[in-house]
Amino acid sequence: MTAPAPRPSRPWGTLGAGAAAVAACAVCCAGPVLAVLGGIGATSAIAAVWMPVLAVVAVAAALGALRVRHRRRAAACRTAPGPADLGMPTVGPAPQATASPTAR
């Protein structure tokens, strides 16, 4: 008679870690996803009632995005007003030369 084959390990640890990762992703991403979907739904509801409002909202959103982008670029290029301290070293006496132990 031959020895019985060893039992395969149970994949519960791997499945549990995978389930925990899926749950963490759902909790983390649920708010932003629902906000985007709610914004799309609200915009669709407004567009269904009155189409020109959708155009106004789209133009306002585009102008807001351009303004934010322009502000970030302008803020990145600004310097502080006033004199710049360059941290120049002062002139002093020359350092003393010491003989290294390997030099003869």
C-alpha atoms as a PDB file:
ATOM      1  CA  MET A   1       0.000   0.000   0.000  1.00  0.00           C
ATOM      2  CA  THR A   2       1.177   3.526  -0.707  1.00  0.00           C
ATOM      3  CA  ALA A   3       1.231   6.405   1.739  1.00  0.00           C
ATOM      4  CA  PRO A   4      -1.735   8.761   1.493  1.00  0.00           C
ATOM      5  CA  ALA A   5      -1.070  12.054  -0.260  1.00  0.00           C
ATOM      6  CA  PRO A   6      -0.653  15.047   2.051  1.00  0.00           C
ATOM      7  CA  ARG A   7      -3.713  17.240   2.377  1.00  0.00           C
ATOM      8  CA  PRO A   8      -3.479  20.511   0.501  1.00  0.00           C
ATOM      9  CA  SER A   9      -3.350  23.572   2.712  1.00  0.00           C
ATOM     10  CA  ARG A  10      -6.554  25.509   3.065  1.00  0.00           C
ATOM     11  CA  PRO A  11      -6.622  28.793   1.163  1.00  0.00           C
ATOM     12  CA  TRP A  12      -8.575  30.576   3.924  1.00  0.00           C
ATOM     13  CA  GLY A  13      -5.675  32.832   4.821  1.00  0.00           C
ATOM     14  CA  THR A  14      -5.273  34.009   1.242  1.00  0.00           C
ATOM     15  CA  LEU A  15      -9.009  34.408   0.748  1.00  0.00           C
ATOM     16  CA  GLY A  16      -9.311  36.307   4.030  1.00  0.00           C
ATOM     17  CA  ALA A  17      -6.539  38.717   3.038  1.00  0.00           C
ATOM     18  CA  GLY A  18      -8.153  39.219  -0.351  1.00  0.00           C
ATOM     19  CA  ALA A  19     -11.548  39.869   1.235  1.00  0.00           C
ATOM     20  CA  ALA A  20      -9.979  42.370   3.648  1.00  0.00           C
ATOM     21  CA  ALA A  21      -8.305  44.181   0.729  1.00  0.00           C
ATOM     22  CA  VAL A  22     -11.579  44.346  -1.201  1.00  0.00           C
ATOM     23  CA  ALA A  23     -13.415  45.640   1.871  1.00  0.00           C
ATOM     24  CA  ALA A  24     -10.746  48.295   2.529  1.00  0.00           C
ATOM     25  CA  CYS A  25     -10.879  49.428  -1.098  1.00  0.00           C
ATOM     26  CA  ALA A  26     -14.675  49.647  -0.983  1.00  0.00           C
ATOM     27  CA  VAL A  27     -14.609  51.710   2.209  1.00  0.00           C
ATOM     28  CA  CYS A  28     -11.864  54.017   0.928  1.00  0.00           C
ATOM     29  CA  CYS A  29     -13.237  54.600  -2.572  1.00  0.00           C
ATOM     30  CA  ALA A  30     -16.976  54.625  -1.861  1.00  0.00           C
ATOM     31  CA  GLY A  31     -17.198  58.338  -0.964  1.00  0.00           C
ATOM     32  CA  PRO A  32     -15.450  59.773  -4.027  1.00  0.00           C
ATOM     33  CA  VAL A  33     -17.183  57.346  -6.393  1.00  0.00           C
ATOM     34  CA  LEU A  34     -20.609  58.198  -4.960  1.00  0.00           C
ATOM     35  CA  ALA A  35     -19.808  61.927  -5.142  1.00  0.00           C
ATOM     36  CA  VAL A  36     -18.881  61.695  -8.821  1.00  0.00           C
ATOM     37  CA  LEU A  37     -21.940  59.601  -9.617  1.00  0.00           C
ATOM     38  CA  GLY A  38     -24.148  62.015  -7.656  1.00  0.00           C
ATOM     39  CA  GLY A  39     -22.709  64.973  -9.548  1.00  0.00           C
ATOM     40  CA  ILE A  40     -23.352  63.262 -12.850  1.00  0.00           C
ATOM     41  CA  GLY A  41     -26.888  62.412 -11.765  1.00  0.00           C
ATOM     42  CA  ALA A  42     -27.629  65.953 -10.594  1.00  0.00           C
ATOM     43  CA  THR A  43     -26.259  67.406 -13.823  1.00  0.00           C
ATOM     44  CA  SER A  44     -28.342  64.959 -15.853  1.00  0.00           C
ATOM     45  CA  ALA A  45     -31.459  65.877 -13.889  1.00  0.00           C
ATOM     46  CA  ILE A  46     -30.855  69.594 -14.493  1.00  0.00           C
ATOM     47  CA  ALA A  47     -30.184  68.953 -18.188  1.00  0.00           C
ATOM     48  CA  ALA A  48     -33.395  66.973 -18.509  1.00  0.00           C
ATOM     49  CA  VAL A  49     -35.366  69.919 -17.135  1.00  0.00           C
ATOM     50  CA  TRP A  50     -33.572  72.760 -18.894  1.00  0.00           C
ATOM     51  CA  MET A  51     -30.708  72.293 -21.361  1.00  0.00           C
ATOM     52  CA  PRO A  52     -29.140  75.809 -21.172  1.00  0.00           C
ATOM     53  CA  VAL A  53     -28.402  75.315 -17.457  1.00  0.00           C
ATOM     54  CA  LEU A  54     -26.154  72.373 -18.360  1.00  0.00           C
ATOM     55  CA  ALA A  55     -24.159  74.615 -20.725  1.00  0.00           C
ATOM     56  CA  VAL A  56     -23.760  77.260 -18.018  1.00  0.00           C
ATOM     57  CA  VAL A  57     -22.607  74.647 -15.484  1.00  0.00           C
ATOM     58  CA  ALA A  58     -20.133  73.164 -17.987  1.00  0.00           C
ATOM     59  CA  VAL A  59     -18.643  76.579 -18.813  1.00  0.00           C
ATOM     60  CA  ALA A  60     -18.396  77.493 -15.115  1.00  0.00           C
ATOM     61  CA  ALA A  61     -16.642  74.194 -14.335  1.00  0.00           C
ATOM     62  CA  ALA A  62     -14.179  74.685 -17.192  1.00  0.00           C
ATOM     63  CA  LEU A  63     -13.392  78.258 -16.117  1.00  0.00           C
ATOM     64  CA  GLY A  64     -12.921  77.139 -12.511  1.00  0.00           C
ATOM     65  CA  ALA A  65     -10.529  74.376 -13.564  1.00  0.00           C
ATOM     66  CA  LEU A  66      -8.511  76.795 -15.700  1.00  0.00           C
ATOM     67  CA  ARG A  67      -8.316  79.319 -12.846  1.00  0.00           C
ATOM     68  CA  VAL A  68      -7.063  76.698 -10.389  1.00  0.00           C
ATOM     69  CA  ARG A  69      -4.459  75.530 -12.902  1.00  0.00           C
ATOM     70  CA  HIS A  70      -3.307  79.113 -13.533  1.00  0.00           C
ATOM     71  CA  ARG A  71      -3.056  79.860  -9.791  1.00  0.00           C
ATOM     72  CA  ARG A  72      -0.948  76.771  -9.154  1.00  0.00           C
ATOM     73  CA  ARG A  73       1.458  77.645 -11.947  1.00  0.00           C
ATOM     74  CA  ALA A  74       1.731  81.258 -10.809  1.00  0.00           C
ATOM     75  CA  ALA A  75       2.315  80.258  -7.178  1.00  0.00           C
ATOM     76  CA  ALA A  76       5.084  77.862  -8.179  1.00  0.00           C
ATOM     77  CA  CYS A  77       7.034  80.626  -9.937  1.00  0.00           C
ATOM     78  CA  ARG A  78       6.839  83.350  -7.271  1.00  0.00           C
ATOM     79  CA  THR A  79       9.788  84.380  -5.181  1.00  0.00           C
ATOM     80  CA  ALA A  80       9.784  86.041  -1.792  1.00  0.00           C
ATOM     81  CA  PRO A  81      10.074  89.840  -1.945  1.00  0.00           C
ATOM     82  CA  GLY A  82      13.211  91.414  -0.502  1.00  0.00           C
ATOM     83  CA  PRO A  83      16.926  90.834  -0.609  1.00  0.00           C
ATOM     84  CA  ALA A  84      18.213  87.314  -1.083  1.00  0.00           C
ATOM     85  CA  ASP A  85      20.700  85.970   1.460  1.00  0.00           C
ATOM     86  CA  LEU A  86      23.204  83.963  -0.534  1.00  0.00           C
ATOM     87  CA  GLY A  87      25.128  82.705   2.479  1.00  0.00           C
ATOM     88  CA  MET A  88      28.562  83.671   1.190  1.00  0.00           C
ATOM     89  CA  PRO A  89      31.498  82.480   3.298  1.00  0.00           C
ATOM     90  CA  THR A  90      33.737  84.995   5.052  1.00  0.00           C
ATOM     91  CA  VAL A  91      37.404  85.317   4.172  1.00  0.00           C
ATOM     92  CA  GLY A  92      39.642  84.044   6.955  1.00  0.00           C
ATOM     93  CA  PRO A  93      43.105  82.657   7.479  1.00  0.00           C
ATOM     94  CA  ALA A  94      44.225  79.707   5.365  1.00  0.00           C
ATOM     95  CA  PRO A  95      43.739  76.313   7.039  1.00  0.00           C
ATOM     96  CA  GLN A  96      46.795  74.670   8.608  1.00  0.00           C
ATOM     97  CA  ALA A  97      48.252  71.872   6.508  1.00  0.00           C
ATOM     98  CA  THR A  98      48.867  68.676   8.452  1.00  0.00           C
ATOM     99  CA  ALA A  99      51.109  65.867   7.279  1.00  0.00           C
ATOM    100  CA  SER A 100      49.341  62.590   6.670  1.00  0.00           C
ATOM    101  CA  PRO A 101      50.846  59.453   8.276  1.00  0.00           C
ATOM    102  CA  THR A 102      51.438  57.829   4.880  1.00  0.00           C
ATOM    103  CA  ALA A 103      53.394  60.783   3.417  1.00  0.00           C
ATOM    104  CA  ARG A 104      57.160  60.615   4.081  1.00  0.00           C
END
